[in-house]
């Protein structure tokens, strides 16, 4: 069965992140946070799953078009890169 370019990229990036994330477990007392732009399509769910499994606090920043209520266990901020950035103000 022939894979599409998108499927090849998805599996390659997912595998790369999984290997890298395995080396970066959250340490007790040291909160690790990850901001994912988008987070609900393509590789976002895979990144989110791997980060949560390793104890990271995950935040998605997206337009809210797909999964408008967010993903369980993940903070969701709505906005876009074309100027709707208010939800990111005053944050680290």
Protein backbone atom coordinates (compact mmCIF):
# COMPACT_ATOMS: atom_id res chain seq x y z
CA UNK A 1 0.00 0.00 0.00
CA UNK A 2 1.38 3.36 -1.00
CA UNK A 3 1.55 6.11 1.65
CA UNK A 4 0.79 9.73 0.93
CA UNK A 5 3.34 12.44 1.63
CA UNK A 6 1.14 13.66 4.49
CA UNK A 7 1.09 10.21 6.11
CA UNK A 8 4.86 9.88 5.83
CA UNK A 9 5.41 13.31 7.38
CA UNK A 10 2.92 12.63 10.15
CA UNK A 11 4.57 9.37 11.17
CA UNK A 12 8.08 10.81 10.88
CA UNK A 13 7.36 13.91 12.96
CA UNK A 14 5.40 11.89 15.51
CA UNK A 15 8.22 9.41 15.92
CA UNK A 16 10.81 12.17 16.20
CA UNK A 17 8.83 13.98 18.88
CA UNK A 18 8.20 10.75 20.78
CA UNK A 19 11.94 10.02 20.89
CA UNK A 20 12.80 13.57 21.93
CA UNK A 21 10.00 13.77 24.51
CA UNK A 22 11.11 10.51 26.07
CA UNK A 23 14.30 12.28 27.05
CA UNK A 24 12.45 15.20 28.61
CA UNK A 25 10.17 13.87 31.34
CA UNK A 26 8.76 16.51 33.66
CA UNK A 27 10.64 16.48 36.94
CA UNK A 28 8.68 16.67 40.21
CA UNK A 29 8.57 20.29 41.32
CA UNK A 30 9.56 21.56 37.87
CA UNK A 31 6.50 22.31 35.78
CA UNK A 32 7.12 21.95 32.09
CA UNK A 33 4.70 23.70 29.81
CA UNK A 34 4.17 23.32 26.10
CA UNK A 35 2.24 25.67 23.82
CA UNK A 36 1.02 23.97 20.66
CA UNK A 37 -0.22 26.15 17.85
CA UNK A 38 -3.29 24.40 16.56
CA UNK A 39 -3.18 21.12 18.40
CA UNK A 40 -6.32 19.43 17.08
CA UNK A 41 -5.25 18.35 13.60
CA UNK A 42 -2.36 16.76 11.72
CA UNK A 43 0.34 16.07 14.37
CA UNK A 44 -1.10 18.13 17.25
CA UNK A 45 -2.99 15.24 18.88
CA UNK A 46 0.14 13.07 18.82
CA UNK A 47 2.28 15.82 20.36
CA UNK A 48 -0.38 16.47 23.00
CA UNK A 49 -0.70 12.80 23.92
CA UNK A 50 3.05 12.33 24.28
CA UNK A 51 3.52 15.50 26.34
CA UNK A 52 0.63 14.70 28.70
CA UNK A 53 1.93 11.16 29.20
CA UNK A 54 5.24 12.64 30.34
CA UNK A 55 3.70 15.06 32.83
CA UNK A 56 3.82 18.27 30.81
CA UNK A 57 1.15 20.97 31.09
CA UNK A 58 -0.17 21.49 27.55
CA UNK A 59 -1.91 24.54 26.11
CA UNK A 60 -3.43 24.71 22.62
CA UNK A 61 -3.71 28.03 20.81
CA UNK A 62 -6.14 27.76 17.92
CA UNK A 63 -9.15 29.29 16.21
CA UNK A 64 -11.61 26.88 17.84
CA UNK A 65 -12.94 25.60 14.53
CA UNK A 66 -12.18 21.93 15.22
CA UNK A 67 -13.00 20.76 18.78
CA UNK A 68 -14.29 24.20 19.92
CA UNK A 69 -14.67 22.95 23.51
CA UNK A 70 -11.03 21.91 23.57
CA UNK A 71 -9.35 18.65 24.47
CA UNK A 72 -9.81 17.14 27.95
CA UNK A 73 -6.84 17.89 30.20
CA UNK A 74 -5.55 20.65 27.93
CA UNK A 75 -5.96 24.39 28.32
CA UNK A 76 -7.32 25.90 25.11
CA UNK A 77 -6.83 29.53 24.10
CA UNK A 78 -8.66 30.89 21.08
CA UNK A 79 -7.18 33.32 18.58
CA UNK A 80 -5.19 33.33 15.38
CA UNK A 81 -1.89 34.54 14.01
CA UNK A 82 -3.58 37.32 12.04
CA UNK A 83 -4.00 39.59 15.05
CA UNK A 84 -6.33 37.83 17.47
CA UNK A 85 -3.64 37.39 20.13
CA UNK A 86 -5.42 38.78 23.21
CA UNK A 87 -5.68 35.36 24.87
CA UNK A 88 -1.86 35.16 24.93
CA UNK A 89 -1.29 38.53 26.63
CA UNK A 90 0.19 38.55 30.15
CA UNK A 91 1.25 34.91 29.91
CA UNK A 92 4.62 33.19 30.13
